[in-house]
N, C-alpha and C. Protein backbone atom coordinates (compact mmCIF):
# COMPACT_ATOMS: atom_id res chain seq x y z
N MET A 1 63.13 72.17 103.62
CA MET A 1 63.12 73.78 103.30
C MET A 1 62.38 74.43 104.21
N ARG A 2 62.49 74.98 105.03
CA ARG A 2 61.84 76.37 105.48
C ARG A 2 61.62 77.36 104.78
N THR A 3 60.43 77.59 104.66
CA THR A 3 59.48 78.49 104.38
C THR A 3 59.20 79.83 105.16
N ILE A 4 59.90 81.26 104.64
CA ILE A 4 60.13 82.25 105.42
C ILE A 4 58.84 82.91 105.19
N ASN A 5 57.92 83.25 105.89
CA ASN A 5 56.45 84.11 106.11
C ASN A 5 56.38 85.20 106.67
N CYS A 6 57.12 84.79 107.78
CA CYS A 6 57.65 86.34 108.83
C CYS A 6 57.55 88.06 107.26
N PRO A 7 56.86 88.41 107.37
CA PRO A 7 56.59 89.95 107.10
C PRO A 7 57.57 91.09 107.76
N HIS A 8 58.28 90.56 108.34
CA HIS A 8 59.78 91.17 108.95
C HIS A 8 60.75 90.91 108.54
N CYS A 9 60.96 89.54 108.08
CA CYS A 9 61.98 88.76 107.80
C CYS A 9 62.07 89.25 105.83
N ARG A 10 61.12 89.17 105.38
CA ARG A 10 60.76 89.37 103.90
C ARG A 10 61.07 90.89 103.68
N LYS A 11 60.76 91.93 104.39
CA LYS A 11 61.34 93.37 104.53
C LYS A 11 62.84 93.38 104.76
N LEU A 12 63.04 92.68 105.62
CA LEU A 12 64.32 92.77 105.35
C LEU A 12 65.34 92.44 104.64
N ILE A 13 64.80 91.45 104.01
CA ILE A 13 65.76 90.80 102.12
C ILE A 13 65.44 91.92 101.55
N GLU A 14 64.66 92.50 101.80
CA GLU A 14 64.24 93.82 100.45
C GLU A 14 65.31 94.87 100.68
N THR A 15 65.87 95.21 102.14
CA THR A 15 66.29 96.40 102.68
C THR A 15 67.73 96.34 102.33
N THR A 16 68.17 97.40 101.62
CA THR A 16 69.65 97.02 101.48
C THR A 16 70.95 97.87 101.94
N GLY A 17 70.05 98.96 103.27
CA GLY A 17 70.62 99.76 103.52
C GLY A 17 72.45 100.11 104.44
N VAL A 18 72.72 99.03 105.16
CA VAL A 18 73.57 98.73 105.71
C VAL A 18 74.84 98.13 104.78
N GLN A 19 74.39 97.08 103.97
CA GLN A 19 75.16 96.05 102.99
C GLN A 19 75.81 97.08 101.75
N GLU A 20 74.55 97.88 101.26
CA GLU A 20 75.22 98.62 100.24
C GLU A 20 76.29 99.80 100.73
N ASP A 21 76.01 100.50 102.08
CA ASP A 21 77.09 101.27 102.73
C ASP A 21 78.25 100.49 102.44
N ILE A 22 78.13 99.78 102.88
CA ILE A 22 79.66 98.85 102.94
C ILE A 22 80.45 98.53 101.79
N ARG A 23 79.21 98.18 101.09
CA ARG A 23 79.44 97.61 99.52
C ARG A 23 80.55 98.63 98.54
N ARG A 24 79.54 100.03 98.71
CA ARG A 24 80.36 101.19 98.14
C ARG A 24 81.67 101.60 98.88
N PHE A 25 82.03 101.56 100.17
CA PHE A 25 83.37 101.51 100.84
C PHE A 25 84.17 100.85 100.19
N HIS A 26 83.56 99.51 100.00
CA HIS A 26 84.69 98.63 99.73
C HIS A 26 85.17 98.86 98.19
N GLU A 27 84.35 99.47 97.49
CA GLU A 27 84.64 99.75 96.22
C GLU A 27 85.32 100.94 95.75
N LYS A 28 85.20 101.62 97.06
CA LYS A 28 85.86 103.35 97.28
C LYS A 28 87.54 102.52 97.25
N PHE A 29 87.83 101.58 98.06
CA PHE A 29 88.92 101.07 98.24
C PHE A 29 89.51 100.33 97.40
N ASN A 30 88.92 99.44 95.76
CA ASN A 30 89.22 98.14 95.68
C ASN A 30 89.20 97.34 95.89
N ILE A 31 88.35 96.96 97.15
CA ILE A 31 88.76 95.64 97.58
C ILE A 31 87.01 95.07 97.93
N SER A 32 86.50 95.03 96.78
CA SER A 32 84.93 94.68 96.78
C SER A 32 84.87 93.56 96.03
N TYR A 33 83.88 92.58 95.85
CA TYR A 33 83.93 91.80 95.17
C TYR A 33 82.65 91.15 94.79
N ASP A 34 82.52 90.76 93.75
CA ASP A 34 81.24 90.59 93.09
C ASP A 34 81.09 89.34 92.00
N GLY A 35 80.87 88.15 92.41
CA GLY A 35 80.81 87.21 92.12
C GLY A 35 79.85 86.20 93.11
N PRO A 36 80.24 85.05 92.86
CA PRO A 36 79.43 83.67 93.25
C PRO A 36 79.94 83.49 95.34
N PRO A 37 78.89 82.99 96.14
CA PRO A 37 79.81 82.45 97.20
C PRO A 37 81.22 82.11 97.24
N ARG A 38 82.01 82.31 97.97
CA ARG A 38 83.44 81.71 98.10
C ARG A 38 83.96 81.60 99.44
N ASP A 39 84.72 80.62 99.40
CA ASP A 39 85.74 80.87 100.55
C ASP A 39 86.74 81.56 100.33
N LEU A 40 87.16 82.51 101.40
CA LEU A 40 88.03 83.59 101.34
C LEU A 40 89.51 83.19 100.88
N PRO A 41 90.56 83.83 100.26
CA PRO A 41 91.71 83.34 100.01
C PRO A 41 92.79 83.56 101.83
N LYS A 42 93.42 82.27 101.92
CA LYS A 42 93.55 82.34 103.22
C LYS A 42 94.54 83.47 104.06
N ASP A 43 95.07 84.42 103.55
CA ASP A 43 95.76 85.80 104.13
C ASP A 43 94.55 86.63 104.14
N VAL A 44 93.59 86.72 103.26
CA VAL A 44 92.71 87.48 103.16
C VAL A 44 91.60 87.18 104.75
N LEU A 45 91.36 85.82 104.71
CA LEU A 45 90.40 85.15 105.90
C LEU A 45 91.31 85.45 107.24
N GLU A 46 92.31 85.50 107.30
CA GLU A 46 93.36 85.18 108.44
C GLU A 46 93.28 86.73 108.81
N PHE A 47 93.16 87.93 107.93
CA PHE A 47 92.57 89.14 108.00
C PHE A 47 91.56 89.54 108.57
N ARG A 48 91.02 88.88 108.07
CA ARG A 48 89.23 89.41 108.37
C ARG A 48 88.82 88.89 110.49
N ILE A 49 89.48 87.68 110.03
CA ILE A 49 89.42 86.89 111.75
C ILE A 49 90.26 87.82 112.71
N LYS A 50 91.57 88.47 112.18
CA LYS A 50 91.75 89.14 113.31
C LYS A 50 91.38 90.83 113.18
N PHE A 51 90.26 91.11 112.14
CA PHE A 51 89.85 92.78 112.45
C PHE A 51 88.69 92.34 113.34
N LEU A 52 88.02 91.34 113.17
CA LEU A 52 86.52 90.62 113.58
C LEU A 52 87.45 91.03 115.18
N GLN A 53 87.99 90.46 115.50
CA GLN A 53 88.98 90.03 116.91
C GLN A 53 89.21 91.35 117.62
N GLU A 54 89.85 92.72 116.91
CA GLU A 54 89.98 93.59 117.32
C GLU A 54 88.93 94.35 117.59
N GLU A 55 88.11 94.38 116.69
CA GLU A 55 86.47 95.15 116.91
C GLU A 55 86.08 94.43 118.37
N LEU A 56 86.08 93.26 118.12
CA LEU A 56 85.36 92.40 119.61
C LEU A 56 86.25 92.88 121.36
N LYS A 57 87.16 93.02 120.79
CA LYS A 57 88.13 93.40 121.85
C LYS A 57 88.02 94.70 122.27
N GLU A 58 87.75 95.66 121.48
CA GLU A 58 87.33 97.13 121.50
C GLU A 58 86.17 96.90 122.40
N TYR A 59 85.42 95.98 122.39
CA TYR A 59 83.88 96.20 122.91
C TYR A 59 83.94 95.67 123.97
N ILE A 60 84.61 94.33 124.09
CA ILE A 60 84.92 94.16 125.46
C ILE A 60 85.84 95.23 126.72
N GLU A 61 86.30 95.71 126.14
CA GLU A 61 87.34 96.71 126.92
C GLU A 61 86.79 98.17 127.05
N ALA A 62 85.80 98.25 126.37
CA ALA A 62 84.93 100.05 126.36
C ALA A 62 84.72 100.04 127.86
N LYS A 63 85.02 101.03 128.34
CA LYS A 63 84.41 101.81 129.40
C LYS A 63 83.25 102.62 129.36
N THR A 64 82.82 103.01 128.44
CA THR A 64 81.69 103.98 128.37
C THR A 64 80.51 103.38 127.43
N LEU A 65 79.53 103.66 127.47
CA LEU A 65 78.23 103.15 126.59
C LEU A 65 78.68 103.86 125.18
N VAL A 66 78.94 104.86 125.18
CA VAL A 66 79.44 105.45 123.94
C VAL A 66 80.60 104.95 122.92
N LYS A 67 81.77 104.02 123.65
CA LYS A 67 82.71 103.00 123.12
C LYS A 67 81.90 102.41 123.18
N LYS A 68 81.21 101.41 123.99
CA LYS A 68 80.47 100.17 123.87
C LYS A 68 79.87 100.24 122.19
N TYR A 69 79.03 101.04 122.01
CA TYR A 69 78.70 101.74 120.86
C TYR A 69 79.20 101.55 119.74
N ASP A 70 80.03 102.57 119.60
CA ASP A 70 80.90 102.68 118.21
C ASP A 70 81.43 101.31 118.20
N ALA A 71 81.88 100.52 119.10
CA ALA A 71 82.74 99.33 118.73
C ALA A 71 81.64 98.03 118.37
N LEU A 72 80.66 98.09 118.97
CA LEU A 72 79.53 97.37 118.21
C LEU A 72 79.17 97.59 116.65
N LEU A 73 78.92 98.97 116.59
CA LEU A 73 78.74 99.19 115.18
C LEU A 73 80.20 99.38 114.21
N ASP A 74 80.96 98.89 114.56
CA ASP A 74 82.52 98.74 113.75
C ASP A 74 82.07 96.89 113.77
N LEU A 75 82.04 96.29 114.63
CA LEU A 75 82.31 95.01 114.49
C LEU A 75 80.80 94.75 113.74
N LEU A 76 79.54 95.11 113.51
CA LEU A 76 78.73 95.04 112.40
C LEU A 76 79.25 95.22 110.99
N TYR A 77 80.04 96.30 110.94
CA TYR A 77 80.40 96.93 109.89
C TYR A 77 81.59 95.89 109.63
N VAL A 78 82.43 95.25 109.99
CA VAL A 78 83.35 94.31 109.58
C VAL A 78 82.55 92.87 108.86
N VAL A 79 81.64 92.60 110.12
CA VAL A 79 80.50 91.48 109.34
C VAL A 79 80.22 91.51 108.19
N HIS A 80 80.01 92.23 108.40
CA HIS A 80 79.11 92.60 106.89
C HIS A 80 79.94 92.64 106.12
N GLY A 81 81.28 93.18 105.84
CA GLY A 81 81.97 93.51 104.69
C GLY A 81 82.52 92.08 104.57
N THR A 82 82.72 91.12 105.49
CA THR A 82 83.31 89.74 105.73
C THR A 82 82.49 89.04 104.77
N LEU A 83 81.05 89.40 105.13
CA LEU A 83 80.06 88.99 104.06
C LEU A 83 79.89 89.13 102.74
N LEU A 84 80.31 90.19 102.38
CA LEU A 84 80.41 91.06 101.23
C LEU A 84 81.62 90.18 100.07
N LEU A 85 82.77 89.88 101.16
CA LEU A 85 84.00 89.58 100.46
C LEU A 85 83.71 87.68 100.39
N HIS A 86 82.57 87.53 100.73
CA HIS A 86 82.36 86.16 100.34
C HIS A 86 81.29 85.83 99.18
N GLY A 87 80.86 87.08 99.31
CA GLY A 87 80.16 86.90 98.33
C GLY A 87 78.16 86.51 98.58
N LEU A 88 78.41 86.68 100.11
CA LEU A 88 76.87 86.16 100.44
C LEU A 88 76.42 87.27 101.24
N PRO A 89 74.57 87.16 100.55
CA PRO A 89 73.90 88.42 101.12
C PRO A 89 73.28 88.49 102.34
N ALA A 90 73.64 89.44 103.15
CA ALA A 90 73.16 89.60 104.18
C ALA A 90 71.92 89.69 104.79
N ASN A 91 70.98 90.32 104.43
CA ASN A 91 69.33 90.28 104.39
C ASN A 91 68.53 88.68 104.14
N GLU A 92 69.39 88.55 103.32
CA GLU A 92 68.41 87.03 102.69
C GLU A 92 69.24 85.71 104.03
N GLY A 93 70.20 85.80 104.30
CA GLY A 93 70.80 85.10 105.16
C GLY A 93 70.20 85.16 106.69
N TRP A 94 70.18 86.61 107.25
CA TRP A 94 69.64 87.18 108.41
C TRP A 94 67.98 86.40 108.58
N ALA A 95 67.19 86.71 107.55
CA ALA A 95 66.21 86.18 107.35
C ALA A 95 65.51 84.81 107.77
N ALA A 96 66.74 83.96 107.31
CA ALA A 96 66.61 82.45 107.56
C ALA A 96 66.88 82.15 108.93
N VAL A 97 67.94 82.85 109.56
CA VAL A 97 68.27 82.78 110.62
C VAL A 97 67.37 83.19 111.70
N GLN A 98 67.05 84.29 111.22
CA GLN A 98 66.15 84.93 111.96
C GLN A 98 64.70 83.97 112.22
N ALA A 99 64.25 83.62 111.40
CA ALA A 99 63.01 82.35 111.45
C ALA A 99 63.50 81.19 111.98
N ALA A 100 64.38 80.82 112.20
CA ALA A 100 65.32 79.81 113.00
C ALA A 100 65.39 79.94 114.44
N ASN A 101 66.05 81.44 114.92
CA ASN A 101 65.88 81.66 116.10
C ASN A 101 64.33 81.97 116.56
N MET A 102 63.42 82.36 116.10
CA MET A 102 62.14 82.86 116.49
C MET A 102 61.49 81.47 116.96
N SER A 103 61.86 80.40 116.67
CA SER A 103 61.48 79.17 117.09
C SER A 103 62.15 78.81 118.72
N LYS A 104 63.09 79.21 119.02
CA LYS A 104 63.36 78.93 120.14
C LYS A 104 62.76 79.34 121.39
N VAL A 105 63.16 78.90 122.64
CA VAL A 105 62.49 79.02 123.48
C VAL A 105 63.23 79.54 125.02
N GLN A 106 62.55 80.44 126.06
CA GLN A 106 63.11 81.11 126.90
C GLN A 106 63.83 79.66 128.03
N SER A 107 64.73 79.80 128.23
CA SER A 107 65.39 78.71 129.45
C SER A 107 64.42 79.21 130.38
N LYS A 108 63.97 78.03 131.16
CA LYS A 108 63.82 78.22 132.59
C LYS A 108 64.31 78.39 133.85
N GLY A 109 65.47 78.17 133.71
CA GLY A 109 66.65 78.34 134.52
C GLY A 109 67.93 78.75 134.36
N THR A 110 68.77 78.33 134.76
CA THR A 110 70.01 79.02 134.25
C THR A 110 71.11 77.91 133.34
N THR A 111 71.28 77.98 133.06
CA THR A 111 72.24 76.97 131.49
C THR A 111 73.65 77.07 131.99
N ASP A 112 74.64 76.10 131.52
CA ASP A 112 76.07 76.43 130.79
C ASP A 112 76.16 77.59 130.62
N ARG A 113 76.16 78.36 129.86
CA ARG A 113 76.42 79.63 129.34
C ARG A 113 75.85 80.58 130.10
N CYS A 114 74.81 80.79 130.68
CA CYS A 114 74.14 82.02 131.60
C CYS A 114 73.48 81.40 133.22
N GLN A 115 74.15 82.25 133.55
CA GLN A 115 73.71 81.80 135.44
C GLN A 115 72.73 82.90 135.83
N VAL A 116 71.83 83.67 134.72
CA VAL A 116 70.96 84.42 135.09
C VAL A 116 69.88 83.68 134.97
N PRO A 117 68.84 83.33 135.63
CA PRO A 117 67.50 82.43 135.75
C PRO A 117 66.65 83.13 134.19
N GLY A 118 66.24 82.28 133.44
CA GLY A 118 65.32 82.81 132.28
C GLY A 118 66.09 83.22 131.60
N PHE A 119 67.22 84.16 131.37
CA PHE A 119 67.65 85.01 130.28
C PHE A 119 68.22 84.54 128.86
N ASP A 120 68.73 83.13 129.27
CA ASP A 120 69.44 82.25 128.12
C ASP A 120 68.04 81.98 126.90
N ILE A 121 68.32 81.86 125.64
CA ILE A 121 67.18 81.68 124.88
C ILE A 121 68.15 80.16 124.02
N VAL A 122 67.18 79.03 124.36
CA VAL A 122 67.47 77.78 123.93
C VAL A 122 66.62 76.96 123.04
N LYS A 123 67.66 76.01 122.11
CA LYS A 123 66.80 75.20 121.45
C LYS A 123 66.13 73.90 122.16
N PRO A 124 64.70 74.24 121.49
CA PRO A 124 63.51 73.32 122.06
C PRO A 124 63.73 71.92 121.29
N GLU A 125 63.42 70.85 122.05
CA GLU A 125 63.50 69.50 121.34
C GLU A 125 62.69 69.72 119.66
N GLY A 126 63.61 68.82 118.80
CA GLY A 126 63.32 69.39 116.99
C GLY A 126 63.37 70.26 116.90
N TRP A 127 64.34 71.49 117.12
CA TRP A 127 64.44 72.47 116.93
C TRP A 127 65.04 72.05 115.44
N VAL A 128 64.76 72.90 114.38
CA VAL A 128 65.64 73.15 113.19
C VAL A 128 66.50 74.48 112.95
N GLY A 129 67.77 74.13 112.67
CA GLY A 129 68.13 75.60 112.42
C GLY A 129 68.26 76.12 110.57
N PRO A 130 69.25 76.97 110.26
CA PRO A 130 68.97 77.81 109.16
C PRO A 130 69.90 76.84 108.31
N GLU A 131 70.56 76.16 108.85
CA GLU A 131 71.80 75.49 107.90
C GLU A 131 70.96 75.08 106.42
N ALA A 132 70.14 74.51 106.47
CA ALA A 132 69.55 73.73 104.87
C ALA A 132 69.22 75.52 104.04
N GLU A 133 68.45 75.94 104.87
CA GLU A 133 67.82 77.51 103.77
C GLU A 133 69.44 78.14 103.44
N LEU A 134 70.42 78.38 104.41
CA LEU A 134 71.88 78.92 103.83
C LEU A 134 72.24 78.13 102.76
N GLU A 135 72.24 76.84 103.11
CA GLU A 135 72.67 76.04 101.71
C GLU A 135 71.78 76.14 100.37
N ARG A 136 70.64 76.58 100.52
CA ARG A 136 70.26 76.95 99.09
C ARG A 136 70.07 78.03 98.90
N ILE A 137 70.43 79.12 99.79
CA ILE A 137 71.10 80.48 98.90
C ILE A 137 72.29 80.38 98.32
N ILE A 138 73.06 79.62 98.94
CA ILE A 138 74.45 79.67 98.69
C ILE A 138 74.59 78.87 97.26
N ARG A 139 74.05 77.84 97.09
CA ARG A 139 73.63 77.09 95.53
C ARG A 139 73.17 77.77 94.83
N ARG A 140 71.58 78.34 95.01
CA ARG A 140 71.52 79.48 94.02
C ARG A 140 72.23 80.29 93.70
N LEU A 141 73.05 81.14 94.66
CA LEU A 141 73.95 81.81 93.88
C LEU A 141 75.08 81.65 93.23
N SER A 142 75.58 80.22 93.32
CA SER A 142 76.70 79.61 92.51
C SER A 142 76.36 79.44 91.64
N LYS A 143 75.48 79.48 91.00
CA LYS A 143 74.68 78.53 89.45
C LYS A 143 75.43 79.88 88.70
C-alpha cells in the first residue's frame, strides 16, 4: 500500500470546494447519491458517457481561449458529478493518483503519443500505479 506523505496531497483530501459545489447542484435537482461506491445503472452510465464526450467535443471545437476555458471547466464539472454519482471521493482519489504521477519521469525524446521531444511524461521501470490505493479507498467506503 502506498502512503501519501505529500502535504499538498493531504490538503487536497481536506478540501471540499468543487465537489461540494457539485453535490449541492445534484441535491437541487434531486439527482444526488449518498451511498457506498457503486457502478452506475446502464442508462445513467450511458448518459454520463455522452455528457463527457459532449464536453470534450466542445473543447476540441473551441476557437477561442474563453471557449476552451469554459469547456474545460464544464468537463471538470461533469467528471466530478460522475464521481459523486458513483459514490467516489474525488479528493482522496486525486491524492492517490497525484502520488503515483509524481513518480513518473520526463521522456528524453519523442513517444508514440507525443512527437514533441521531452514533452511527454512516462512511467519509469518499476513504476507503481494508484490502483491499490484506489481499491483500498473503495473497500473502506463499501463497509
